């Protein structure tokens, strides 16, 4: 049941992030565009295109929320968990980016991959140092209690 909650929340977060990015790029573009124009033109109606795009955002959110379980496996090394997690995060993102026409050529796909790799590494490092500081605090409390 807990995993289902995470998946539902992940789906809604994916939709939210996807549409916020659409707004951001629309702002840069100078007018509201609900998706990449070349993607939208593939369909008979904008409603159909945006519905498909929203489903893809939702699926990305579900996949990325579910990928968190990879990092909880204590039988594998942190390095292996990180590599597996990264692959599960980046491959669907690149596939969605290609399908939604974020970038179509090899250079574009590589640039999306690089940007997301940098973001991933930044988040990973922030989490690593946060968890490390929490462990240090817990160890200090344990040390203090054993001295008392």
Protein backbone atom coordinates (compact mmCIF):
# COMPACT_ATOMS: atom_id res chain seq x y z
CA UNK A 1 0.00 0.00 0.00
CA UNK A 2 2.87 2.34 0.82
CA UNK A 3 4.45 1.72 -2.60
CA UNK A 4 1.12 2.50 -4.30
CA UNK A 5 0.95 5.83 -2.43
CA UNK A 6 4.49 6.67 -3.58
CA UNK A 7 3.60 5.82 -7.16
CA UNK A 8 0.46 7.96 -7.11
CA UNK A 9 2.33 10.88 -5.54
CA UNK A 10 5.18 10.37 -8.01
CA UNK A 11 2.73 10.50 -10.90
CA UNK A 12 1.26 13.79 -9.74
CA UNK A 13 4.71 15.23 -9.06
CA UNK A 14 5.77 14.21 -12.58
CA UNK A 15 2.73 15.96 -14.05
CA UNK A 16 3.40 19.06 -11.98
CA UNK A 17 7.07 19.29 -12.85
CA UNK A 18 6.39 18.62 -16.53
CA UNK A 19 3.79 21.34 -16.80
CA UNK A 20 5.87 23.81 -14.78
CA UNK A 21 8.74 23.25 -17.21
CA UNK A 22 6.31 23.87 -20.10
CA UNK A 23 5.39 27.18 -18.49
CA UNK A 24 9.04 28.08 -18.00
CA UNK A 25 9.95 27.32 -21.60
CA UNK A 26 6.81 29.17 -22.78
CA UNK A 27 8.00 32.20 -20.85
CA UNK A 28 11.38 31.98 -22.60
CA UNK A 29 9.64 31.44 -25.95
CA UNK A 30 7.52 34.56 -25.37
CA UNK A 31 4.07 32.97 -25.55
CA UNK A 32 2.32 30.01 -24.00
CA UNK A 33 2.98 26.78 -25.84
CA UNK A 34 1.74 23.60 -24.08
CA UNK A 35 4.54 21.51 -25.60
CA UNK A 36 7.22 21.46 -28.25
CA UNK A 37 5.52 22.69 -31.46
CA UNK A 38 6.91 19.83 -33.59
CA UNK A 39 5.46 17.30 -31.10
CA UNK A 40 2.08 19.06 -30.99
CA UNK A 41 1.82 19.12 -34.80
CA UNK A 42 1.98 15.30 -34.97
CA UNK A 43 -1.56 15.04 -33.62
CA UNK A 44 -4.95 16.05 -34.95
CA UNK A 45 -5.63 18.15 -31.87
CA UNK A 46 -3.58 19.91 -29.22
CA UNK A 47 -5.78 18.27 -26.59
CA UNK A 48 -4.67 14.79 -27.73
CA UNK A 49 -1.01 15.83 -27.80
CA UNK A 50 -1.15 17.42 -24.34
CA UNK A 51 -3.00 14.40 -22.94
CA UNK A 52 -0.29 12.06 -24.26
CA UNK A 53 2.41 14.41 -22.96
CA UNK A 54 0.74 14.50 -19.52
CA UNK A 55 0.58 10.69 -19.40
CA UNK A 56 4.30 10.57 -20.22
CA UNK A 57 5.03 13.07 -17.42
CA UNK A 58 2.97 10.93 -15.06
CA UNK A 59 4.82 7.75 -16.08
CA UNK A 60 8.17 9.47 -15.59
CA UNK A 61 7.08 10.53 -12.11
CA UNK A 62 5.96 7.00 -11.25
CA UNK A 63 9.20 5.45 -12.53
CA UNK A 64 11.36 7.96 -10.70
CA UNK A 65 9.40 7.60 -7.45
CA UNK A 66 9.61 3.81 -7.71
CA UNK A 67 13.35 3.93 -8.43
CA UNK A 68 13.89 5.02 -4.85
CA UNK A 69 13.49 1.38 -3.76
CA UNK A 70 16.76 0.56 -5.54
CA UNK A 71 18.70 2.69 -3.08
CA UNK A 72 17.15 0.85 -0.11
CA UNK A 73 18.75 -2.46 -1.04
CA UNK A 74 21.50 -2.95 1.53
CA UNK A 75 22.79 -6.17 -0.05
CA UNK A 76 24.35 -4.25 -2.95
CA UNK A 77 27.12 -1.69 -2.67
CA UNK A 78 26.33 2.02 -2.69
CA UNK A 79 28.13 2.29 -6.04
CA UNK A 80 26.03 -0.45 -7.67
CA UNK A 81 22.80 0.96 -6.20
CA UNK A 82 23.73 4.40 -7.51
CA UNK A 83 24.52 3.11 -11.01
CA UNK A 84 21.28 1.10 -11.18
CA UNK A 85 19.26 4.04 -9.84
CA UNK A 86 20.86 6.43 -12.30
CA UNK A 87 20.10 4.12 -15.24
CA UNK A 88 16.46 3.73 -14.16
CA UNK A 89 16.16 7.52 -13.86
CA UNK A 90 18.02 8.62 -17.00
CA UNK A 91 16.92 6.10 -19.65
CA UNK A 92 13.16 6.77 -19.39
CA UNK A 93 13.89 10.50 -19.22
CA UNK A 94 15.95 10.36 -22.43
CA UNK A 95 13.27 8.25 -24.14
CA UNK A 96 10.55 10.70 -23.09
CA UNK A 97 12.68 13.64 -24.20
CA UNK A 98 13.18 12.08 -27.60
CA UNK A 99 9.51 11.19 -28.02
CA UNK A 100 8.31 14.61 -26.86
CA UNK A 101 10.80 16.33 -29.22
CA UNK A 102 12.77 18.06 -26.48
CA UNK A 103 15.82 17.34 -28.62
CA UNK A 104 15.90 15.10 -31.66
CA UNK A 105 19.52 14.71 -32.75
CA UNK A 106 22.33 12.85 -31.02
CA UNK A 107 23.85 16.14 -29.82
CA UNK A 108 20.54 17.18 -28.28
CA UNK A 109 20.00 13.86 -26.54
CA UNK A 110 23.57 13.95 -25.21
CA UNK A 111 23.06 17.51 -23.93
CA UNK A 112 19.86 16.47 -22.11
CA UNK A 113 21.76 13.50 -20.70
CA UNK A 114 24.63 15.70 -19.55
CA UNK A 115 22.36 18.29 -17.92
CA UNK A 116 20.42 15.57 -16.11
CA UNK A 117 23.63 13.82 -15.06
CA UNK A 118 24.89 17.05 -13.48
CA UNK A 119 21.55 17.54 -11.69
CA UNK A 120 21.59 13.89 -10.56
CA UNK A 121 25.13 14.19 -9.21
CA UNK A 122 24.26 17.39 -7.36
CA UNK A 123 21.22 15.81 -5.71
CA UNK A 124 23.18 12.64 -4.93
CA UNK A 125 25.99 14.61 -3.26
CA UNK A 126 23.55 16.72 -1.26
CA UNK A 127 21.79 13.57 -0.02
CA UNK A 128 25.09 11.85 0.73
CA UNK A 129 26.39 14.70 2.88
CA UNK A 130 23.02 15.15 4.60
CA UNK A 131 22.83 11.45 5.52
CA UNK A 132 26.47 11.48 6.59
CA UNK A 133 25.81 14.44 8.93
CA UNK A 134 22.73 12.69 10.37
CA UNK A 135 24.80 9.57 11.07
CA UNK A 136 27.43 11.70 12.78
CA UNK A 137 24.77 13.30 15.02
CA UNK A 138 23.30 9.91 15.91
CA UNK A 139 26.75 8.54 16.73
CA UNK A 140 27.45 11.55 18.96
CA UNK A 141 24.18 10.97 20.85
CA UNK A 142 25.00 7.30 21.28
CA UNK A 143 28.52 8.18 22.48
CA UNK A 144 27.11 10.76 24.93
CA UNK A 145 24.55 8.28 26.34
CA UNK A 146 27.11 5.53 26.82
CA UNK A 147 29.37 7.91 28.80
CA UNK A 148 26.53 8.93 31.15
